[in-house]
Amino acid sequence: MAAGLRGYLHGRPDERDGHFNAPSLYGAFGDKQALFAKVLDRYIEGPGGYVKQAMLAPTAAEFVKQLLSASADFFTDPSHPCGCLAINAGLAWNPQSKQVSKQLARRHVTREKLFEHRLRQALKEGDLPEDSDSRDLARYLSVVQ
């Protein structure tokens, strides 16, 4: 997968394999960045759908358990490509792909804010100790997840 991302970030599809041309592929989505955004959306809704499912857990403990368990299951499943699409795309970054980097950063912040909102809700409901810091917990989950 990382090799494919490097190809995406560093070149055009027709230059690499000749099976399709960039104008028709990118044109279907608007441009290269829009195509990448659609791929990320699909990844988040599909393979990454366990995050939304965990957000529905009735307690903070169950939320964390579901999030981390599903994440571990997904990333260790040999039928999936190694790693995370968003992380691998960030690692394959180059100076010409600033928009990809910015998009990945925005999505990371959005996910972290979702976690913070869920944990703040748990704090308000008395489901976490009063001295819990929902922001720090969300950052931690965002990193280890």
N, C-alpha and C. Protein backbone atom coordinates (compact mmCIF):
# COMPACT_ATOMS: atom_id res chain seq x y z
N MET A 1 0.82 -1.18 0.00
CA MET A 1 0.00 0.00 0.00
C MET A 1 0.87 1.25 0.00
N ALA A 2 1.93 1.29 0.80
CA ALA A 2 2.78 2.47 0.85
C ALA A 2 3.39 2.75 -0.51
N ALA A 3 3.76 1.70 -1.24
CA ALA A 3 4.33 1.90 -2.57
C ALA A 3 3.30 2.55 -3.48
N GLY A 4 2.04 2.12 -3.38
CA GLY A 4 0.99 2.73 -4.17
C GLY A 4 0.78 4.18 -3.82
N LEU A 5 0.85 4.50 -2.54
CA LEU A 5 0.71 5.89 -2.11
C LEU A 5 1.86 6.73 -2.63
N ARG A 6 3.06 6.19 -2.59
CA ARG A 6 4.21 6.94 -3.13
C ARG A 6 3.97 7.22 -4.60
N GLY A 7 3.43 6.23 -5.31
CA GLY A 7 3.11 6.43 -6.71
C GLY A 7 2.06 7.50 -6.89
N TYR A 8 1.04 7.47 -6.07
CA TYR A 8 -0.01 8.47 -6.13
C TYR A 8 0.56 9.85 -5.87
N LEU A 9 1.36 9.97 -4.83
CA LEU A 9 1.88 11.27 -4.44
C LEU A 9 2.97 11.79 -5.36
N HIS A 10 3.68 10.92 -6.03
CA HIS A 10 4.84 11.32 -6.82
C HIS A 10 4.64 11.27 -8.32
N GLY A 11 3.51 10.82 -8.78
CA GLY A 11 3.37 10.70 -10.22
C GLY A 11 1.94 10.63 -10.68
N ARG A 12 1.80 10.22 -11.93
CA ARG A 12 0.48 10.08 -12.53
C ARG A 12 0.25 8.61 -12.85
N PRO A 13 -1.01 8.16 -12.76
CA PRO A 13 -1.29 6.74 -13.02
C PRO A 13 -0.83 6.27 -14.38
N ASP A 14 -1.04 7.08 -15.43
CA ASP A 14 -0.68 6.65 -16.77
C ASP A 14 0.83 6.53 -16.96
N GLU A 15 1.61 7.21 -16.13
CA GLU A 15 3.06 7.11 -16.20
C GLU A 15 3.56 5.81 -15.57
N ARG A 16 2.78 5.25 -14.65
CA ARG A 16 3.26 4.08 -13.92
C ARG A 16 2.83 2.76 -14.55
N ASP A 17 1.57 2.68 -14.97
CA ASP A 17 1.14 1.36 -15.43
C ASP A 17 0.42 1.36 -16.77
N GLY A 18 0.06 2.52 -17.28
CA GLY A 18 -0.54 2.60 -18.60
C GLY A 18 -1.95 2.06 -18.70
N HIS A 19 -2.58 1.66 -17.60
CA HIS A 19 -3.91 1.06 -17.66
C HIS A 19 -5.04 2.09 -17.71
N PHE A 20 -4.81 3.29 -17.28
CA PHE A 20 -5.82 4.32 -17.35
C PHE A 20 -5.10 5.65 -17.38
N ASN A 21 -5.82 6.69 -17.78
CA ASN A 21 -5.13 7.98 -17.83
C ASN A 21 -5.61 8.91 -16.73
N ALA A 22 -4.70 9.75 -16.27
CA ALA A 22 -4.97 10.63 -15.13
C ALA A 22 -6.12 11.58 -15.37
N PRO A 23 -6.22 12.23 -16.54
CA PRO A 23 -7.33 13.18 -16.70
C PRO A 23 -8.70 12.55 -16.48
N SER A 24 -8.93 11.34 -16.97
CA SER A 24 -10.26 10.75 -16.79
C SER A 24 -10.48 10.31 -15.35
N LEU A 25 -9.47 9.76 -14.71
CA LEU A 25 -9.60 9.34 -13.32
C LEU A 25 -9.78 10.53 -12.40
N TYR A 26 -8.90 11.50 -12.47
CA TYR A 26 -9.00 12.67 -11.60
C TYR A 26 -10.22 13.50 -11.93
N GLY A 27 -10.55 13.58 -13.24
CA GLY A 27 -11.71 14.36 -13.67
C GLY A 27 -13.01 13.84 -13.09
N ALA A 28 -13.08 12.54 -12.87
CA ALA A 28 -14.29 11.95 -12.29
C ALA A 28 -14.51 12.45 -10.86
N PHE A 29 -13.44 12.88 -10.21
CA PHE A 29 -13.54 13.34 -8.82
C PHE A 29 -13.23 14.82 -8.66
N GLY A 30 -12.79 15.47 -9.71
CA GLY A 30 -12.45 16.89 -9.64
C GLY A 30 -10.96 17.11 -9.86
N ASP A 31 -10.16 16.48 -9.02
CA ASP A 31 -8.71 16.57 -9.14
C ASP A 31 -8.08 15.50 -8.25
N LYS A 32 -6.77 15.50 -8.21
CA LYS A 32 -6.03 14.48 -7.46
C LYS A 32 -6.36 14.53 -5.96
N GLN A 33 -6.45 15.73 -5.39
CA GLN A 33 -6.75 15.85 -3.97
C GLN A 33 -8.17 15.40 -3.65
N ALA A 34 -9.11 15.70 -4.55
CA ALA A 34 -10.50 15.28 -4.33
C ALA A 34 -10.61 13.76 -4.38
N LEU A 35 -9.86 13.15 -5.28
CA LEU A 35 -9.83 11.69 -5.35
C LEU A 35 -9.30 11.12 -4.04
N PHE A 36 -8.21 11.68 -3.55
CA PHE A 36 -7.64 11.20 -2.29
C PHE A 36 -8.62 11.38 -1.13
N ALA A 37 -9.34 12.50 -1.11
CA ALA A 37 -10.34 12.74 -0.07
C ALA A 37 -11.43 11.68 -0.12
N LYS A 38 -11.85 11.32 -1.33
CA LYS A 38 -12.89 10.29 -1.48
C LYS A 38 -12.37 8.93 -1.00
N VAL A 39 -11.11 8.63 -1.31
CA VAL A 39 -10.51 7.38 -0.85
C VAL A 39 -10.48 7.35 0.67
N LEU A 40 -10.08 8.46 1.30
CA LEU A 40 -10.06 8.51 2.77
C LEU A 40 -11.45 8.37 3.36
N ASP A 41 -12.43 9.04 2.75
CA ASP A 41 -13.81 8.92 3.23
C ASP A 41 -14.26 7.46 3.19
N ARG A 42 -13.97 6.81 2.10
CA ARG A 42 -14.36 5.40 1.93
C ARG A 42 -13.66 4.52 2.97
N TYR A 43 -12.38 4.81 3.21
CA TYR A 43 -11.61 4.05 4.20
C TYR A 43 -12.20 4.24 5.61
N ILE A 44 -12.55 5.47 5.94
CA ILE A 44 -13.09 5.78 7.27
C ILE A 44 -14.46 5.12 7.46
N GLU A 45 -15.28 5.15 6.43
CA GLU A 45 -16.61 4.54 6.51
C GLU A 45 -16.55 3.02 6.43
N GLY A 46 -15.61 2.49 5.69
CA GLY A 46 -15.49 1.04 5.50
C GLY A 46 -14.64 0.41 6.59
N PRO A 47 -13.39 0.16 6.28
CA PRO A 47 -12.50 -0.51 7.26
C PRO A 47 -12.40 0.25 8.59
N GLY A 48 -12.48 1.57 8.53
CA GLY A 48 -12.37 2.36 9.76
C GLY A 48 -13.69 2.58 10.46
N GLY A 49 -14.74 1.91 10.03
CA GLY A 49 -16.07 2.09 10.60
C GLY A 49 -16.18 1.68 12.06
N TYR A 50 -15.21 0.93 12.54
CA TYR A 50 -15.24 0.52 13.95
C TYR A 50 -15.16 1.72 14.89
N VAL A 51 -14.61 2.84 14.43
CA VAL A 51 -14.52 4.04 15.28
C VAL A 51 -15.93 4.55 15.58
N LYS A 52 -16.75 4.69 14.54
CA LYS A 52 -18.14 5.15 14.74
C LYS A 52 -18.91 4.20 15.65
N GLN A 53 -18.69 2.92 15.45
CA GLN A 53 -19.38 1.92 16.28
C GLN A 53 -18.98 2.07 17.74
N ALA A 54 -17.70 2.25 18.00
CA ALA A 54 -17.23 2.41 19.38
C ALA A 54 -17.80 3.67 20.03
N MET A 55 -17.98 4.72 19.24
CA MET A 55 -18.51 5.98 19.77
C MET A 55 -19.91 5.79 20.37
N LEU A 56 -20.61 4.75 19.95
CA LEU A 56 -21.97 4.50 20.43
C LEU A 56 -22.00 3.68 21.72
N ALA A 57 -20.86 3.28 22.21
CA ALA A 57 -20.80 2.47 23.43
C ALA A 57 -21.45 3.22 24.60
N PRO A 58 -22.11 2.50 25.49
CA PRO A 58 -22.85 3.15 26.57
C PRO A 58 -21.97 3.78 27.67
N THR A 59 -20.74 3.33 27.80
CA THR A 59 -19.87 3.88 28.84
C THR A 59 -18.51 4.24 28.24
N ALA A 60 -17.78 5.08 28.95
CA ALA A 60 -16.44 5.46 28.50
C ALA A 60 -15.53 4.24 28.45
N ALA A 61 -15.63 3.39 29.46
CA ALA A 61 -14.79 2.19 29.49
C ALA A 61 -15.09 1.30 28.30
N GLU A 62 -16.36 1.14 27.98
CA GLU A 62 -16.74 0.31 26.83
C GLU A 62 -16.31 0.96 25.52
N PHE A 63 -16.41 2.28 25.45
CA PHE A 63 -15.94 3.02 24.27
C PHE A 63 -14.46 2.74 24.02
N VAL A 64 -13.65 2.90 25.05
CA VAL A 64 -12.21 2.69 24.92
C VAL A 64 -11.91 1.23 24.58
N LYS A 65 -12.59 0.33 25.27
CA LYS A 65 -12.36 -1.10 25.02
C LYS A 65 -12.69 -1.46 23.57
N GLN A 66 -13.86 -1.02 23.12
CA GLN A 66 -14.26 -1.32 21.74
C GLN A 66 -13.31 -0.69 20.72
N LEU A 67 -12.95 0.55 20.96
CA LEU A 67 -12.07 1.27 20.04
C LEU A 67 -10.72 0.57 19.90
N LEU A 68 -10.10 0.27 21.03
CA LEU A 68 -8.77 -0.33 21.00
C LEU A 68 -8.80 -1.78 20.55
N SER A 69 -9.82 -2.52 20.96
CA SER A 69 -9.93 -3.93 20.53
C SER A 69 -10.15 -4.03 19.03
N ALA A 70 -11.08 -3.23 18.53
CA ALA A 70 -11.36 -3.27 17.09
C ALA A 70 -10.16 -2.79 16.29
N SER A 71 -9.48 -1.80 16.79
CA SER A 71 -8.27 -1.31 16.12
C SER A 71 -7.20 -2.39 16.07
N ALA A 72 -6.98 -3.06 17.19
CA ALA A 72 -5.99 -4.14 17.23
C ALA A 72 -6.39 -5.27 16.30
N ASP A 73 -7.67 -5.63 16.30
CA ASP A 73 -8.15 -6.68 15.40
C ASP A 73 -7.91 -6.31 13.94
N PHE A 74 -8.27 -5.08 13.59
CA PHE A 74 -8.14 -4.63 12.21
C PHE A 74 -6.67 -4.62 11.76
N PHE A 75 -5.82 -4.01 12.56
CA PHE A 75 -4.43 -3.83 12.13
C PHE A 75 -3.58 -5.10 12.22
N THR A 76 -4.11 -6.12 12.86
CA THR A 76 -3.37 -7.39 12.91
C THR A 76 -3.98 -8.45 12.02
N ASP A 77 -5.05 -8.10 11.32
CA ASP A 77 -5.71 -9.05 10.43
C ASP A 77 -4.86 -9.21 9.16
N PRO A 78 -4.35 -10.41 8.91
CA PRO A 78 -3.48 -10.60 7.75
C PRO A 78 -4.17 -10.41 6.40
N SER A 79 -5.50 -10.36 6.39
CA SER A 79 -6.19 -10.14 5.13
C SER A 79 -6.23 -8.67 4.72
N HIS A 80 -5.80 -7.77 5.63
CA HIS A 80 -5.75 -6.34 5.31
C HIS A 80 -4.32 -5.92 5.00
N PRO A 81 -4.16 -4.91 4.17
CA PRO A 81 -2.81 -4.37 3.95
C PRO A 81 -2.24 -3.86 5.28
N CYS A 82 -0.94 -3.90 5.40
CA CYS A 82 -0.29 -3.46 6.64
C CYS A 82 -0.49 -1.97 6.87
N GLY A 83 -0.75 -1.61 8.10
CA GLY A 83 -0.80 -0.22 8.49
C GLY A 83 -2.11 0.47 8.21
N CYS A 84 -2.08 1.76 8.41
CA CYS A 84 -3.25 2.63 8.27
C CYS A 84 -3.06 3.49 7.02
N LEU A 85 -4.10 3.59 6.21
CA LEU A 85 -4.02 4.39 4.99
C LEU A 85 -3.58 5.82 5.30
N ALA A 86 -4.19 6.44 6.30
CA ALA A 86 -3.85 7.84 6.62
C ALA A 86 -2.41 7.97 7.09
N ILE A 87 -1.95 7.07 7.94
CA ILE A 87 -0.57 7.13 8.42
C ILE A 87 0.40 6.87 7.28
N ASN A 88 0.12 5.85 6.48
CA ASN A 88 1.01 5.54 5.36
C ASN A 88 1.06 6.68 4.36
N ALA A 89 -0.07 7.32 4.12
CA ALA A 89 -0.09 8.47 3.20
C ALA A 89 0.77 9.60 3.76
N GLY A 90 0.70 9.80 5.06
CA GLY A 90 1.53 10.84 5.68
C GLY A 90 3.01 10.52 5.58
N LEU A 91 3.34 9.25 5.70
CA LEU A 91 4.75 8.84 5.60
C LEU A 91 5.28 8.97 4.18
N ALA A 92 4.40 8.84 3.21
CA ALA A 92 4.80 8.93 1.81
C ALA A 92 4.80 10.37 1.31
N TRP A 93 4.56 11.30 2.19
CA TRP A 93 4.44 12.72 1.85
C TRP A 93 5.69 13.24 1.17
N ASN A 94 5.49 14.18 0.27
CA ASN A 94 6.60 14.90 -0.34
C ASN A 94 6.20 16.37 -0.46
N PRO A 95 7.15 17.25 -0.73
CA PRO A 95 6.82 18.69 -0.78
C PRO A 95 5.72 19.06 -1.78
N GLN A 96 5.55 18.28 -2.83
CA GLN A 96 4.51 18.58 -3.81
C GLN A 96 3.12 18.16 -3.34
N SER A 97 3.02 17.45 -2.24
CA SER A 97 1.72 16.96 -1.78
C SER A 97 1.30 17.62 -0.47
N LYS A 98 1.51 18.92 -0.37
CA LYS A 98 1.14 19.67 0.83
C LYS A 98 -0.34 19.55 1.16
N GLN A 99 -1.18 19.53 0.14
CA GLN A 99 -2.61 19.44 0.38
C GLN A 99 -2.99 18.12 1.03
N VAL A 100 -2.32 17.05 0.66
CA VAL A 100 -2.57 15.75 1.29
C VAL A 100 -2.20 15.81 2.76
N SER A 101 -1.06 16.39 3.04
CA SER A 101 -0.61 16.52 4.43
C SER A 101 -1.60 17.35 5.25
N LYS A 102 -2.06 18.45 4.69
CA LYS A 102 -3.03 19.30 5.39
C LYS A 102 -4.35 18.55 5.62
N GLN A 103 -4.78 17.81 4.61
CA GLN A 103 -6.02 17.04 4.72
C GLN A 103 -5.92 15.99 5.82
N LEU A 104 -4.79 15.30 5.86
CA LEU A 104 -4.59 14.28 6.89
C LEU A 104 -4.56 14.90 8.28
N ALA A 105 -3.92 16.05 8.41
CA ALA A 105 -3.87 16.74 9.70
C ALA A 105 -5.26 17.17 10.15
N ARG A 106 -6.07 17.69 9.22
CA ARG A 106 -7.44 18.11 9.56
C ARG A 106 -8.26 16.91 10.04
N ARG A 107 -8.11 15.80 9.35
CA ARG A 107 -8.87 14.60 9.72
C ARG A 107 -8.43 14.06 11.08
N HIS A 108 -7.14 14.15 11.35
CA HIS A 108 -6.64 13.71 12.65
C HIS A 108 -7.25 14.57 13.77
N VAL A 109 -7.26 15.88 13.56
CA VAL A 109 -7.83 16.79 14.56
C VAL A 109 -9.32 16.51 14.73
N THR A 110 -10.02 16.27 13.64
CA THR A 110 -11.46 15.97 13.72
C THR A 110 -11.71 14.71 14.54
N ARG A 111 -10.93 13.67 14.28
CA ARG A 111 -11.10 12.41 15.04
C ARG A 111 -10.81 12.65 16.53
N GLU A 112 -9.75 13.39 16.80
CA GLU A 112 -9.40 13.67 18.19
C GLU A 112 -10.52 14.46 18.88
N LYS A 113 -11.12 15.40 18.18
CA LYS A 113 -12.23 16.18 18.75
C LYS A 113 -13.46 15.30 18.99
N LEU A 114 -13.71 14.33 18.10
CA LEU A 114 -14.80 13.39 18.33
C LEU A 114 -14.57 12.59 19.61
N PHE A 115 -13.34 12.11 19.78
CA PHE A 115 -13.00 11.37 21.00
C PHE A 115 -13.17 12.26 22.22
N GLU A 116 -12.71 13.50 22.12
CA GLU A 116 -12.82 14.43 23.25
C GLU A 116 -14.29 14.68 23.59
N HIS A 117 -15.12 14.87 22.59
CA HIS A 117 -16.55 15.10 22.82
C HIS A 117 -17.17 13.89 23.54
N ARG A 118 -16.83 12.69 23.08
CA ARG A 118 -17.38 11.47 23.71
C ARG A 118 -16.93 11.37 25.16
N LEU A 119 -15.68 11.68 25.42
CA LEU A 119 -15.15 11.59 26.78
C LEU A 119 -15.68 12.71 27.66
N ARG A 120 -15.88 13.88 27.09
CA ARG A 120 -16.47 15.00 27.86
C ARG A 120 -17.90 14.65 28.26
N GLN A 121 -18.61 14.00 27.35
CA GLN A 121 -19.98 13.54 27.65
C GLN A 121 -19.94 12.56 28.82
N ALA A 122 -18.99 11.63 28.79
CA ALA A 122 -18.85 10.65 29.87
C ALA A 122 -18.52 11.35 31.18
N LEU A 123 -17.71 12.36 31.13
CA LEU A 123 -17.35 13.13 32.32
C LEU A 123 -18.59 13.82 32.92
N LYS A 124 -19.39 14.43 32.06
CA LYS A 124 -20.63 15.09 32.51
C LYS A 124 -21.62 14.11 33.13
N GLU A 125 -21.61 12.88 32.61
CA GLU A 125 -22.53 11.85 33.10
C GLU A 125 -22.00 11.14 34.34
N GLY A 126 -20.81 11.53 34.80
CA GLY A 126 -20.22 10.89 35.96
C GLY A 126 -19.60 9.54 35.65
N ASP A 127 -19.37 9.28 34.39
CA ASP A 127 -18.82 8.00 33.94
C ASP A 127 -17.29 7.98 33.98
N LEU A 128 -16.69 9.13 34.23
CA LEU A 128 -15.23 9.25 34.40
C LEU A 128 -14.97 10.01 35.70
N PRO A 129 -13.84 9.78 36.34
CA PRO A 129 -13.51 10.55 37.54
C PRO A 129 -13.52 12.06 37.24
N GLU A 130 -13.94 12.86 38.20
CA GLU A 130 -14.08 14.31 38.02
C GLU A 130 -12.80 15.00 37.57
N ASP A 131 -11.65 14.46 37.99
CA ASP A 131 -10.38 15.10 37.63
C ASP A 131 -9.82 14.62 36.29
N SER A 132 -10.63 13.87 35.53
CA SER A 132 -10.19 13.40 34.21
C SER A 132 -10.11 14.57 33.24
N ASP A 133 -9.13 14.52 32.38
CA ASP A 133 -8.96 15.54 31.35
C ASP A 133 -9.35 14.92 30.01
N SER A 134 -10.55 15.25 29.54
CA SER A 134 -11.06 14.63 28.32
C SER A 134 -10.17 14.93 27.11
N ARG A 135 -9.56 16.09 27.09
CA ARG A 135 -8.67 16.44 25.97
C ARG A 135 -7.41 15.56 25.96
N ASP A 136 -6.79 15.41 27.12
CA ASP A 136 -5.60 14.56 27.20
C ASP A 136 -5.93 13.10 26.90
N LEU A 137 -7.05 12.63 27.40
CA LEU A 137 -7.46 11.25 27.11
C LEU A 137 -7.72 11.06 25.62
N ALA A 138 -8.34 12.05 24.99
CA ALA A 138 -8.62 11.97 23.55
C ALA A 138 -7.31 11.95 22.75
N ARG A 139 -6.38 12.77 23.15
CA ARG A 139 -5.07 12.76 22.47
C ARG A 139 -4.41 11.42 22.60
N TYR A 140 -4.44 10.87 23.78
CA TYR A 140 -3.82 9.56 24.02
C TYR A 140 -4.47 8.50 23.13
N LEU A 141 -5.80 8.46 23.15
CA LEU A 141 -6.52 7.47 22.32
C LEU A 141 -6.21 7.67 20.83
N SER A 142 -6.13 8.89 20.44
CA SER A 142 -5.85 9.19 19.03
C SER A 142 -4.48 8.66 18.61
N VAL A 143 -3.54 8.71 19.52
CA VAL A 143 -2.18 8.23 19.22
C VAL A 143 -2.12 6.72 19.23
N VAL A 144 -2.68 6.08 20.25
CA VAL A 144 -2.54 4.62 20.37
C VAL A 144 -3.53 3.87 19.49
N GLN A 145 -4.58 4.51 19.09
CA GLN A 145 -5.60 3.86 18.26
C GLN A 145 -5.05 3.71 16.88
